[in-house]
Amino acid sequence: MPMTSQKTDVTAAVCLFRSLADPARLAIVRHLALGEHRVVDLTAHIGLAQSTVSGHLSCLRDCGLVTARAEGRASLYSLARPELLDLLAAAETLLEATGEAVTLCPTYGTDVA
């Protein structure tokens, strides 16, 4: 991505990364990368309450990352944009390249209180 001297509005990118920064939402996205899931399926996979999973799905839908289709009384959730898979793959590649640097980061690492 070329850098320019003009101020770039990064608001949308910040919002995108914030939507994926929550561990539960990221786990939901990773499960949806495998295919459609109902809330009850995601609840079983992730181990969170149904209301919590529904809330995270609502956030992801509001961000345009997840879509739902009705099937009987249930809704089946799936990724709305296949580009999200590319983003996750790029993140995995970057994490492999940086090793533990992100985890050890004094600002955002896992030991930060």
PDB file of N, CA and C in Angstrom:
ATOM      1  N   MET A   1       0.846  -1.166   0.000  1.00  0.00           N
ATOM      2  CA  MET A   1       0.000   0.000   0.000  1.00  0.00           C
ATOM      3  C   MET A   1       0.892   1.229   0.000  1.00  0.00           C
ATOM      4  N   PRO A   2       0.776   2.072  -1.028  1.00  0.00           N
ATOM      5  CA  PRO A   2       1.642   3.247  -1.094  1.00  0.00           C
ATOM      6  C   PRO A   2       1.277   4.281  -0.039  1.00  0.00           C
ATOM      7  N   MET A   3       2.286   4.901   0.518  1.00  0.00           N
ATOM      8  CA  MET A   3       2.073   5.961   1.498  1.00  0.00           C
ATOM      9  C   MET A   3       2.002   7.285   0.754  1.00  0.00           C
ATOM     10  N   THR A   4       1.095   8.145   1.173  1.00  0.00           N
ATOM     11  CA  THR A   4       0.979   9.463   0.563  1.00  0.00           C
ATOM     12  C   THR A   4       1.194  10.516   1.623  1.00  0.00           C
ATOM     13  N   SER A   5       1.483  11.727   1.165  1.00  0.00           N
ATOM     14  CA  SER A   5       1.678  12.810   2.115  1.00  0.00           C
ATOM     15  C   SER A   5       0.346  13.364   2.603  1.00  0.00           C
ATOM     16  N   GLN A   6      -0.754  12.994   1.945  1.00  0.00           N
ATOM     17  CA  GLN A   6      -2.071  13.455   2.356  1.00  0.00           C
ATOM     18  C   GLN A   6      -2.534  12.687   3.580  1.00  0.00           C
ATOM     19  N   LYS A   7      -3.296  13.389   4.411  1.00  0.00           N
ATOM     20  CA  LYS A   7      -3.868  12.724   5.580  1.00  0.00           C
ATOM     21  C   LYS A   7      -4.911  11.723   5.086  1.00  0.00           C
ATOM     22  N   THR A   8      -4.803  10.489   5.549  1.00  0.00           N
ATOM     23  CA  THR A   8      -5.714   9.439   5.130  1.00  0.00           C
ATOM     24  C   THR A   8      -6.712   9.166   6.237  1.00  0.00           C
ATOM     25  N   ASP A   9      -7.995   9.064   5.873  1.00  0.00           N
ATOM     26  CA  ASP A   9      -9.020   8.744   6.859  1.00  0.00           C
ATOM     27  C   ASP A   9      -8.998   7.239   7.091  1.00  0.00           C
ATOM     28  N   VAL A  10      -8.666   6.855   8.292  1.00  0.00           N
ATOM     29  CA  VAL A  10      -8.554   5.437   8.636  1.00  0.00           C
ATOM     30  C   VAL A  10      -9.723   4.968   9.503  1.00  0.00           C
ATOM     31  N   THR A  11     -10.752   5.788   9.609  1.00  0.00           N
ATOM     32  CA  THR A  11     -11.876   5.473  10.491  1.00  0.00           C
ATOM     33  C   THR A  11     -12.489   4.116  10.173  1.00  0.00           C
ATOM     34  N   ALA A  12     -12.781   3.858   8.908  1.00  0.00           N
ATOM     35  CA  ALA A  12     -13.415   2.584   8.539  1.00  0.00           C
ATOM     36  C   ALA A  12     -12.507   1.403   8.875  1.00  0.00           C
ATOM     37  N   ALA A  13     -11.211   1.532   8.617  1.00  0.00           N
ATOM     38  CA  ALA A  13     -10.275   0.442   8.921  1.00  0.00           C
ATOM     39  C   ALA A  13     -10.198   0.209  10.422  1.00  0.00           C
ATOM     40  N   VAL A  14     -10.181   1.285  11.194  1.00  0.00           N
ATOM     41  CA  VAL A  14     -10.147   1.151  12.651  1.00  0.00           C
ATOM     42  C   VAL A  14     -11.389   0.413  13.132  1.00  0.00           C
ATOM     43  N   CYS A  15     -12.542   0.779  12.598  1.00  0.00           N
ATOM     44  CA  CYS A  15     -13.793   0.113  12.984  1.00  0.00           C
ATOM     45  C   CYS A  15     -13.774  -1.364  12.590  1.00  0.00           C
ATOM     46  N   LEU A  16     -13.258  -1.673  11.413  1.00  0.00           N
ATOM     47  CA  LEU A  16     -13.166  -3.069  10.975  1.00  0.00           C
ATOM     48  C   LEU A  16     -12.313  -3.876  11.943  1.00  0.00           C
ATOM     49  N   PHE A  17     -11.128  -3.368  12.260  1.00  0.00           N
ATOM     50  CA  PHE A  17     -10.238  -4.118  13.142  1.00  0.00           C
ATOM     51  C   PHE A  17     -10.779  -4.199  14.564  1.00  0.00           C
ATOM     52  N   ARG A  18     -11.487  -3.180  15.013  1.00  0.00           N
ATOM     53  CA  ARG A  18     -12.120  -3.260  16.334  1.00  0.00           C
ATOM     54  C   ARG A  18     -13.195  -4.347  16.348  1.00  0.00           C
ATOM     55  N   SER A  19     -13.931  -4.470  15.249  1.00  0.00           N
ATOM     56  CA  SER A  19     -14.979  -5.495  15.206  1.00  0.00           C
ATOM     57  C   SER A  19     -14.394  -6.892  15.287  1.00  0.00           C
ATOM     58  N   LEU A  20     -13.172  -7.062  14.827  1.00  0.00           N
ATOM     59  CA  LEU A  20     -12.516  -8.373  14.857  1.00  0.00           C
ATOM     60  C   LEU A  20     -11.630  -8.554  16.079  1.00  0.00           C
ATOM     61  N   ALA A  21     -11.433  -7.501  16.869  1.00  0.00           N
ATOM     62  CA  ALA A  21     -10.498  -7.559  17.992  1.00  0.00           C
ATOM     63  C   ALA A  21     -11.032  -8.323  19.195  1.00  0.00           C
ATOM     64  N   ASP A  22     -12.332  -8.452  19.307  1.00  0.00           N
ATOM     65  CA  ASP A  22     -12.896  -9.183  20.431  1.00  0.00           C
ATOM     66  C   ASP A  22     -12.669 -10.679  20.226  1.00  0.00           C
ATOM     67  N   PRO A  23     -12.142 -11.384  21.224  1.00  0.00           N
ATOM     68  CA  PRO A  23     -11.859 -12.817  21.056  1.00  0.00           C
ATOM     69  C   PRO A  23     -13.088 -13.638  20.656  1.00  0.00           C
ATOM     70  N   ALA A  24     -14.246 -13.328  21.217  1.00  0.00           N
ATOM     71  CA  ALA A  24     -15.454 -14.088  20.875  1.00  0.00           C
ATOM     72  C   ALA A  24     -15.871 -13.832  19.431  1.00  0.00           C
ATOM     73  N   ARG A  25     -15.818 -12.577  18.998  1.00  0.00           N
ATOM     74  CA  ARG A  25     -16.203 -12.280  17.612  1.00  0.00           C
ATOM     75  C   ARG A  25     -15.227 -12.911  16.633  1.00  0.00           C
ATOM     76  N   LEU A  26     -13.948 -12.886  16.964  1.00  0.00           N
ATOM     77  CA  LEU A  26     -12.973 -13.519  16.082  1.00  0.00           C
ATOM     78  C   LEU A  26     -13.202 -15.031  16.029  1.00  0.00           C
ATOM     79  N   ALA A  27     -13.531 -15.640  17.156  1.00  0.00           N
ATOM     80  CA  ALA A  27     -13.839 -17.074  17.167  1.00  0.00           C
ATOM     81  C   ALA A  27     -15.070 -17.368  16.322  1.00  0.00           C
ATOM     82  N   ILE A  28     -16.072 -16.516  16.395  1.00  0.00           N
ATOM     83  CA  ILE A  28     -17.283 -16.698  15.581  1.00  0.00           C
ATOM     84  C   ILE A  28     -16.927 -16.615  14.102  1.00  0.00           C
ATOM     85  N   VAL A  29     -16.149 -15.611  13.732  1.00  0.00           N
ATOM     86  CA  VAL A  29     -15.749 -15.459  12.328  1.00  0.00           C
ATOM     87  C   VAL A  29     -14.978 -16.685  11.858  1.00  0.00           C
ATOM     88  N   ARG A  30     -14.096 -17.188  12.686  1.00  0.00           N
ATOM     89  CA  ARG A  30     -13.310 -18.375  12.301  1.00  0.00           C
ATOM     90  C   ARG A  30     -14.214 -19.599  12.115  1.00  0.00           C
ATOM     91  N   HIS A  31     -15.230 -19.731  12.954  1.00  0.00           N
ATOM     92  CA  HIS A  31     -16.165 -20.842  12.777  1.00  0.00           C
ATOM     93  C   HIS A  31     -17.005 -20.651  11.518  1.00  0.00           C
ATOM     94  N   LEU A  32     -17.410 -19.429  11.253  1.00  0.00           N
ATOM     95  CA  LEU A  32     -18.209 -19.175  10.054  1.00  0.00           C
ATOM     96  C   LEU A  32     -17.384 -19.340   8.780  1.00  0.00           C
ATOM     97  N   ALA A  33     -16.077 -19.240   8.894  1.00  0.00           N
ATOM     98  CA  ALA A  33     -15.216 -19.495   7.737  1.00  0.00           C
ATOM     99  C   ALA A  33     -15.335 -20.947   7.282  1.00  0.00           C
ATOM    100  N   LEU A  34     -15.781 -21.817   8.177  1.00  0.00           N
ATOM    101  CA  LEU A  34     -15.969 -23.236   7.851  1.00  0.00           C
ATOM    102  C   LEU A  34     -17.324 -23.501   7.204  1.00  0.00           C
ATOM    103  N   GLY A  35     -18.232 -22.533   7.279  1.00  0.00           N
ATOM    104  CA  GLY A  35     -19.561 -22.695   6.696  1.00  0.00           C
ATOM    105  C   GLY A  35     -20.628 -22.114   7.605  1.00  0.00           C
ATOM    106  N   GLU A  36     -21.868 -22.252   7.174  1.00  0.00           N
ATOM    107  CA  GLU A  36     -23.000 -21.705   7.923  1.00  0.00           C
ATOM    108  C   GLU A  36     -23.145 -22.373   9.285  1.00  0.00           C
ATOM    109  N   HIS A  37     -23.579 -21.557  10.258  1.00  0.00           N
ATOM    110  CA  HIS A  37     -23.836 -22.056  11.606  1.00  0.00           C
ATOM    111  C   HIS A  37     -25.079 -21.380  12.164  1.00  0.00           C
ATOM    112  N   ARG A  38     -25.789 -22.115  12.995  1.00  0.00           N
ATOM    113  CA  ARG A  38     -26.874 -21.527  13.779  1.00  0.00           C
ATOM    114  C   ARG A  38     -26.268 -21.000  15.075  1.00  0.00           C
ATOM    115  N   VAL A  39     -27.005 -20.141  15.760  1.00  0.00           N
ATOM    116  CA  VAL A  39     -26.527 -19.606  17.030  1.00  0.00           C
ATOM    117  C   VAL A  39     -26.241 -20.751  18.004  1.00  0.00           C
ATOM    118  N   VAL A  40     -27.127 -21.733  18.052  1.00  0.00           N
ATOM    119  CA  VAL A  40     -26.937 -22.849  18.987  1.00  0.00           C
ATOM    120  C   VAL A  40     -25.652 -23.615  18.668  1.00  0.00           C
ATOM    121  N   ASP A  41     -25.309 -23.737  17.384  1.00  0.00           N
ATOM    122  CA  ASP A  41     -24.054 -24.401  17.005  1.00  0.00           C
ATOM    123  C   ASP A  41     -22.853 -23.596  17.486  1.00  0.00           C
ATOM    124  N   LEU A  42     -22.909 -22.279  17.257  1.00  0.00           N
ATOM    125  CA  LEU A  42     -21.806 -21.417  17.682  1.00  0.00           C
ATOM    126  C   LEU A  42     -21.667 -21.419  19.195  1.00  0.00           C
ATOM    127  N   THR A  43     -22.792 -21.439  19.893  1.00  0.00           N
ATOM    128  CA  THR A  43     -22.780 -21.487  21.355  1.00  0.00           C
ATOM    129  C   THR A  43     -22.041 -22.741  21.836  1.00  0.00           C
ATOM    130  N   ALA A  44     -22.323 -23.862  21.206  1.00  0.00           N
ATOM    131  CA  ALA A  44     -21.662 -25.117  21.584  1.00  0.00           C
ATOM    132  C   ALA A  44     -20.168 -25.083  21.273  1.00  0.00           C
ATOM    133  N   HIS A  45     -19.795 -24.522  20.115  1.00  0.00           N
ATOM    134  CA  HIS A  45     -18.383 -24.474  19.714  1.00  0.00           C
ATOM    135  C   HIS A  45     -17.570 -23.535  20.592  1.00  0.00           C
ATOM    136  N   ILE A  46     -18.147 -22.381  20.909  1.00  0.00           N
ATOM    137  CA  ILE A  46     -17.391 -21.329  21.578  1.00  0.00           C
ATOM    138  C   ILE A  46     -17.533 -21.389  23.093  1.00  0.00           C
ATOM    139  N   GLY A  47     -18.639 -21.941  23.575  1.00  0.00           N
ATOM    140  CA  GLY A  47     -18.842 -22.067  25.010  1.00  0.00           C
ATOM    141  C   GLY A  47     -19.344 -20.801  25.678  1.00  0.00           C
ATOM    142  N   LEU A  48     -20.055 -19.980  24.934  1.00  0.00           N
ATOM    143  CA  LEU A  48     -20.632 -18.756  25.490  1.00  0.00           C
ATOM    144  C   LEU A  48     -22.148 -18.870  25.513  1.00  0.00           C
ATOM    145  N   ALA A  49     -22.777 -18.031  26.304  1.00  0.00           N
ATOM    146  CA  ALA A  49     -24.242 -18.019  26.382  1.00  0.00           C
ATOM    147  C   ALA A  49     -24.845 -17.613  25.042  1.00  0.00           C
ATOM    148  N   GLN A  50     -26.036 -18.106  24.772  1.00  0.00           N
ATOM    149  CA  GLN A  50     -26.700 -17.810  23.512  1.00  0.00           C
ATOM    150  C   GLN A  50     -26.892 -16.306  23.326  1.00  0.00           C
ATOM    151  N   SER A  51     -27.245 -15.602  24.386  1.00  0.00           N
ATOM    152  CA  SER A  51     -27.444 -14.153  24.273  1.00  0.00           C
ATOM    153  C   SER A  51     -26.143 -13.438  23.927  1.00  0.00           C
ATOM    154  N   THR A  52     -25.030 -13.936  24.457  1.00  0.00           N
ATOM    155  CA  THR A  52     -23.725 -13.340  24.160  1.00  0.00           C
ATOM    156  C   THR A  52     -23.360 -13.557  22.704  1.00  0.00           C
ATOM    157  N   VAL A  53     -23.538 -14.778  22.211  1.00  0.00           N
ATOM    158  CA  VAL A  53     -23.242 -15.082  20.816  1.00  0.00           C
ATOM    159  C   VAL A  53     -24.147 -14.255  19.901  1.00  0.00           C
ATOM    160  N   SER A  54     -25.419 -14.162  20.241  1.00  0.00           N
ATOM    161  CA  SER A  54     -26.348 -13.368  19.432  1.00  0.00           C
ATOM    162  C   SER A  54     -25.925 -11.904  19.383  1.00  0.00           C
ATOM    163  N   GLY A  55     -25.473 -11.376  20.510  1.00  0.00           N
ATOM    164  CA  GLY A  55     -25.002  -9.998  20.544  1.00  0.00           C
ATOM    165  C   GLY A  55     -23.792  -9.774  19.651  1.00  0.00           C
ATOM    166  N   HIS A  56     -22.855 -10.716  19.685  1.00  0.00           N
ATOM    167  CA  HIS A  56     -21.675 -10.606  18.830  1.00  0.00           C
ATOM    168  C   HIS A  56     -22.057 -10.747  17.358  1.00  0.00           C
ATOM    169  N   LEU A  57     -22.978 -11.638  17.050  1.00  0.00           N
ATOM    170  CA  LEU A  57     -23.442 -11.784  15.662  1.00  0.00           C
ATOM    171  C   LEU A  57     -24.115 -10.500  15.187  1.00  0.00           C
ATOM    172  N   SER A  58     -24.860  -9.866  16.065  1.00  0.00           N
ATOM    173  CA  SER A  58     -25.505  -8.601  15.721  1.00  0.00           C
ATOM    174  C   SER A  58     -24.462  -7.544  15.374  1.00  0.00           C
ATOM    175  N   CYS A  59     -23.410  -7.465  16.164  1.00  0.00           N
ATOM    176  CA  CYS A  59     -22.320  -6.528  15.896  1.00  0.00           C
ATOM    177  C   CYS A  59     -21.690  -6.819  14.531  1.00  0.00           C
ATOM    178  N   LEU A  60     -21.398  -8.089  14.265  1.00  0.00           N
ATOM    179  CA  LEU A  60     -20.780  -8.474  13.002  1.00  0.00           C
ATOM    180  C   LEU A  60     -21.705  -8.218  11.812  1.00  0.00           C
ATOM    181  N   ARG A  61     -23.007  -8.391  12.023  1.00  0.00           N
ATOM    182  CA  ARG A  61     -23.982  -8.068  10.960  1.00  0.00           C
ATOM    183  C   ARG A  61     -24.009  -6.569  10.710  1.00  0.00           C
ATOM    184  N   ASP A  62     -24.004  -5.778  11.776  1.00  0.00           N
ATOM    185  CA  ASP A  62     -24.017  -4.320  11.636  1.00  0.00           C
ATOM    186  C   ASP A  62     -22.784  -3.822  10.879  1.00  0.00           C
ATOM    187  N   CYS A  63     -21.676  -4.528  11.029  1.00  0.00           N
ATOM    188  CA  CYS A  63     -20.435  -4.172  10.335  1.00  0.00           C
ATOM    189  C   CYS A  63     -20.403  -4.689   8.895  1.00  0.00           C
ATOM    190  N   GLY A  64     -21.405  -5.466   8.510  1.00  0.00           N
ATOM    191  CA  GLY A  64     -21.449  -6.008   7.157  1.00  0.00           C
ATOM    192  C   GLY A  64     -20.559  -7.208   6.936  1.00  0.00           C
ATOM    193  N   LEU A  65     -20.107  -7.844   8.022  1.00  0.00           N
ATOM    194  CA  LEU A  65     -19.203  -8.982   7.904  1.00  0.00           C
ATOM    195  C   LEU A  65     -19.921 -10.319   7.904  1.00  0.00           C
ATOM    196  N   VAL A  66     -21.130 -10.346   8.468  1.00  0.00           N
ATOM    197  CA  VAL A  66     -21.903 -11.579   8.607  1.00  0.00           C
ATOM    198  C   VAL A  66     -23.307 -11.338   8.057  1.00  0.00           C
ATOM    199  N   THR A  67     -23.865 -12.370   7.483  1.00  0.00           N
ATOM    200  CA  THR A  67     -25.233 -12.318   6.996  1.00  0.00           C
ATOM    201  C   THR A  67     -26.006 -13.500   7.566  1.00  0.00           C
ATOM    202  N   ALA A  68     -27.309 -13.396   7.552  1.00  0.00           N
ATOM    203  CA  ALA A  68     -28.156 -14.476   8.072  1.00  0.00           C
ATOM    204  C   ALA A  68     -29.263 -14.773   7.076  1.00  0.00           C
ATOM    205  N   ARG A  69     -29.655 -16.039   7.044  1.00  0.00           N
ATOM    206  CA  ARG A  69     -30.812 -16.436   6.246  1.00  0.00           C
ATOM    207  C   ARG A  69     -31.683 -17.329   7.114  1.00  0.00           C
ATOM    208  N   ALA A  70     -32.977 -17.138   6.958  1.00  0.00           N
ATOM    209  CA  ALA A  70     -33.918 -17.910   7.766  1.00  0.00           C
ATOM    210  C   ALA A  70     -34.069 -19.313   7.192  1.00  0.00           C
ATOM    211  N   GLU A  71     -34.126 -20.270   8.101  1.00  0.00           N
ATOM    212  CA  GLU A  71     -34.437 -21.652   7.736  1.00  0.00           C
ATOM    213  C   GLU A  71     -35.361 -22.181   8.826  1.00  0.00           C
ATOM    214  N   GLY A  72     -36.636 -22.207   8.514  1.00  0.00           N
ATOM    215  CA  GLY A  72     -37.622 -22.565   9.523  1.00  0.00           C
ATOM    216  C   GLY A  72     -37.630 -21.500  10.597  1.00  0.00           C
ATOM    217  N   ARG A  73     -37.529 -21.927  11.844  1.00  0.00           N
ATOM    218  CA  ARG A  73     -37.508 -20.975  12.961  1.00  0.00           C
ATOM    219  C   ARG A  73     -36.096 -20.508  13.305  1.00  0.00           C
ATOM    220  N   ALA A  74     -35.101 -21.085  12.669  1.00  0.00           N
ATOM    221  CA  ALA A  74     -33.704 -20.745  12.966  1.00  0.00           C
ATOM    222  C   ALA A  74     -33.140 -19.823  11.893  1.00  0.00           C
ATOM    223  N   SER A  75     -32.055 -19.180  12.232  1.00  0.00           N
ATOM    224  CA  SER A  75     -31.284 -18.388  11.271  1.00  0.00           C
ATOM    225  C   SER A  75     -29.927 -19.040  11.102  1.00  0.00           C
ATOM    226  N   LEU A  76     -29.500 -19.117   9.871  1.00  0.00           N
ATOM    227  CA  LEU A  76     -28.175 -19.639   9.566  1.00  0.00           C
ATOM    228  C   LEU A  76     -27.267 -18.466   9.233  1.00  0.00           C
ATOM    229  N   TYR A  77     -26.155 -18.366   9.949  1.00  0.00           N
ATOM    230  CA  TYR A  77     -25.224 -17.262   9.778  1.00  0.00           C
ATOM    231  C   TYR A  77     -24.045 -17.713   8.929  1.00  0.00           C
ATOM    232  N   SER A  78     -23.557 -16.781   8.114  1.00  0.00           N
ATOM    233  CA  SER A  78     -22.389 -17.050   7.277  1.00  0.00           C
ATOM    234  C   SER A  78     -21.636 -15.746   7.068  1.00  0.00           C
ATOM    235  N   LEU A  79     -20.417 -15.863   6.566  1.00  0.00           N
ATOM    236  CA  LEU A  79     -19.639 -14.670   6.253  1.00  0.00           C
ATOM    237  C   LEU A  79     -20.265 -13.965   5.059  1.00  0.00           C
ATOM    238  N   ALA A  80     -20.375 -12.662   5.153  1.00  0.00           N
ATOM    239  CA  ALA A  80     -20.984 -11.877   4.083  1.00  0.00           C
ATOM    240  C   ALA A  80     -19.992 -11.565   2.970  1.00  0.00           C
ATOM    241  N   ARG A  81     -18.731 -11.505   3.296  1.00  0.00           N
ATOM    242  CA  ARG A  81     -17.707 -11.113   2.334  1.00  0.00           C
ATOM    243  C   ARG A  81     -16.591 -12.152   2.302  1.00  0.00           C
ATOM    244  N   PRO A  82     -16.346 -12.765   1.143  1.00  0.00           N
ATOM    245  CA  PRO A  82     -15.251 -13.734   1.051  1.00  0.00           C
ATOM    246  C   PRO A  82     -13.879 -13.085   1.265  1.00  0.00           C
ATOM    247  N   GLU A  83     -13.792 -11.774   1.082  1.00  0.00           N
ATOM    248  CA  GLU A  83     -12.525 -11.077   1.306  1.00  0.00           C
ATOM    249  C   GLU A  83     -12.073 -11.181   2.761  1.00  0.00           C
ATOM    250  N   LEU A  84     -13.002 -11.421   3.648  1.00  0.00           N
ATOM    251  CA  LEU A  84     -12.650 -11.576   5.062  1.00  0.00           C
ATOM    252  C   LEU A  84     -11.731 -12.781   5.256  1.00  0.00           C
ATOM    253  N   LEU A  85     -11.934 -13.820   4.472  1.00  0.00           N
ATOM    254  CA  LEU A  85     -11.046 -14.989   4.540  1.00  0.00           C
ATOM    255  C   LEU A  85      -9.627 -14.611   4.129  1.00  0.00           C
ATOM    256  N   ASP A  86      -9.517 -13.743   3.113  1.00  0.00           N
ATOM    257  CA  ASP A  86      -8.196 -13.268   2.682  1.00  0.00           C
ATOM    258  C   ASP A  86      -7.520 -12.465   3.786  1.00  0.00           C
ATOM    259  N   LEU A  87      -8.303 -11.627   4.472  1.00  0.00           N
ATOM    260  CA  LEU A  87      -7.761 -10.836   5.571  1.00  0.00           C
ATOM    261  C   LEU A  87      -7.260 -11.735   6.692  1.00  0.00           C
ATOM    262  N   LEU A  88      -8.047 -12.749   7.041  1.00  0.00           N
ATOM    263  CA  LEU A  88      -7.630 -13.675   8.099  1.00  0.00           C
ATOM    264  C   LEU A  88      -6.379 -14.449   7.694  1.00  0.00           C
ATOM    265  N   ALA A  89      -6.298 -14.858   6.434  1.00  0.00           N
ATOM    266  CA  ALA A  89      -5.113 -15.569   5.954  1.00  0.00           C
ATOM    267  C   ALA A  89      -3.889 -14.654   5.999  1.00  0.00           C
ATOM    268  N   ALA A  90      -4.061 -13.401   5.614  1.00  0.00           N
ATOM    269  CA  ALA A  90      -2.952 -12.446   5.664  1.00  0.00           C
ATOM    270  C   ALA A  90      -2.513 -12.216   7.106  1.00  0.00           C
ATOM    271  N   ALA A  91      -3.465 -12.151   8.030  1.00  0.00           N
ATOM    272  CA  ALA A  91      -3.132 -11.978   9.440  1.00  0.00           C
ATOM    273  C   ALA A  91      -2.338 -13.175   9.961  1.00  0.00           C
ATOM    274  N   GLU A  92      -2.748 -14.371   9.576  1.00  0.00           N
ATOM    275  CA  GLU A  92      -2.013 -15.575   9.994  1.00  0.00           C
ATOM    276  C   GLU A  92      -0.582 -15.539   9.467  1.00  0.00           C
ATOM    277  N   THR A  93      -0.404 -15.120   8.219  1.00  0.00           N
ATOM    278  CA  THR A  93       0.926 -15.021   7.620  1.00  0.00           C
ATOM    279  C   THR A  93       1.772 -13.992   8.369  1.00  0.00           C
ATOM    280  N   LEU A  94       1.176 -12.854   8.680  1.00  0.00           N
ATOM    281  CA  LEU A  94       1.888 -11.814   9.416  1.00  0.00           C
ATOM    282  C   LEU A  94       2.266 -12.295  10.811  1.00  0.00           C
ATOM    283  N   LEU A  95       1.355 -12.990  11.477  1.00  0.00           N
ATOM    284  CA  LEU A  95       1.658 -13.512  12.816  1.00  0.00           C
ATOM    285  C   LEU A  95       2.774 -14.545  12.778  1.00  0.00           C
ATOM    286  N   GLU A  96       2.811 -15.361  11.728  1.00  0.00           N
ATOM    287  CA  GLU A  96       3.919 -16.314  11.588  1.00  0.00           C
ATOM    288  C   GLU A  96       5.235 -15.573  11.405  1.00  0.00           C
ATOM    289  N   ALA A  97       5.207 -14.472  10.657  1.00  0.00           N
ATOM    290  CA  ALA A  97       6.426 -13.710  10.377  1.00  0.00           C
ATOM    291  C   ALA A  97       6.923 -12.950  11.602  1.00  0.00           C
ATOM    292  N   THR A  98       6.012 -12.467  12.440  1.00  0.00           N
ATOM    293  CA  THR A  98       6.422 -11.672  13.597  1.00  0.00           C
ATOM    294  C   THR A  98       6.702 -12.524  14.823  1.00  0.00           C
ATOM    295  N   GLY A  99       6.355 -13.786  14.760  1.00  0.00           N
ATOM    296  CA  GLY A  99       6.594 -14.657  15.901  1.00  0.00           C
ATOM    297  C   GLY A  99       5.825 -14.189  17.118  1.00  0.00           C
ATOM    298  N   GLU A 100       6.500 -14.072  18.236  1.00  0.00           N
ATOM    299  CA  GLU A 100       5.851 -13.685  19.482  1.00  0.00           C
ATOM    300  C   GLU A 100       5.844 -12.178  19.716  1.00  0.00           C
ATOM    301  N   ALA A 101       6.305 -11.397  18.762  1.00  0.00           N
ATOM    302  CA  ALA A 101       6.411  -9.950  18.965  1.00  0.00           C
ATOM    303  C   ALA A 101       5.071  -9.322  19.330  1.00  0.00           C
ATOM    304  N   VAL A 102       4.008  -9.716  18.685  1.00  0.00           N
ATOM    305  CA  VAL A 102       2.696  -9.141  18.971  1.00  0.00           C
ATOM    306  C   VAL A 102       2.242  -9.546  20.368  1.00  0.00           C
ATOM    307  N   THR A 103       2.439 -10.791  20.718  1.00  0.00           N
ATOM    308  CA  THR A 103       2.042 -11.277  22.036  1.00  0.00           C
ATOM    309  C   THR A 103       2.827 -10.584  23.142  1.00  0.00           C
ATOM    310  N   LEU A 104       4.070 -10.277  22.880  1.00  0.00           N
ATOM    311  CA  LEU A 104       4.941  -9.659  23.886  1.00  0.00           C
ATOM    312  C   LEU A 104       4.870  -8.126  23.878  1.00  0.00           C
ATOM    313  N   CYS A 105       4.095  -7.549  22.982  1.00  0.00           N
ATOM    314  CA  CYS A 105       3.978  -6.090  22.880  1.00  0.00           C
ATOM    315  C   CYS A 105       3.572  -5.506  24.238  1.00  0.00           C
ATOM    316  N   PRO A 106       4.311  -4.506  24.743  1.00  0.00           N
ATOM    317  CA  PRO A 106       3.995  -3.947  26.056  1.00  0.00           C
ATOM    318  C   PRO A 106       2.650  -3.203  26.095  1.00  0.00           C
ATOM    319  N   THR A 107       2.137  -2.807  24.949  1.00  0.00           N
ATOM    320  CA  THR A 107       0.856  -2.092  24.912  1.00  0.00           C
ATOM    321  C   THR A 107      -0.332  -3.026  24.736  1.00  0.00           C
ATOM    322  N   TYR A 108      -0.237  -3.983  23.804  1.00  0.00           N
ATOM    323  CA  TYR A 108      -1.376  -4.832  23.473  1.00  0.00           C
ATOM    324  C   TYR A 108      -1.135  -6.311  23.721  1.00  0.00           C
ATOM    325  N   GLY A 109      -0.006  -6.679  24.266  1.00  0.00           N
ATOM    326  CA  GLY A 109       0.306  -8.084  24.495  1.00  0.00           C
ATOM    327  C   GLY A 109      -0.593  -8.741  25.504  1.00  0.00           C
ATOM    328  N   THR A 110      -0.466 -10.054  25.640  1.00  0.00           N
ATOM    329  CA  THR A 110      -1.354 -10.833  26.498  1.00  0.00           C
ATOM    330  C   THR A 110      -1.144 -10.580  27.982  1.00  0.00           C
ATOM    331  N   ASP A 111       0.020 -10.053  28.380  1.00  0.00           N
ATOM    332  CA  ASP A 111       0.273  -9.814  29.807  1.00  0.00           C
ATOM    333  C   ASP A 111      -0.112  -8.413  30.260  1.00  0.00           C
ATOM    334  N   VAL A 112      -0.681  -7.609  29.352  1.00  0.00           N
ATOM    335  CA  VAL A 112      -1.080  -6.250  29.705  1.00  0.00           C
ATOM    336  C   VAL A 112      -2.307  -6.289  30.582  1.00  0.00           C
ATOM    337  N   ALA A 113      -2.277  -5.587  31.688  1.00  0.00           N
ATOM    338  CA  ALA A 113      -3.425  -5.603  32.629  1.00  0.00           C
ATOM    339  C   ALA A 113      -4.494  -4.648  32.197  1.00  0.00           C
TER     340      ALA A 113
END
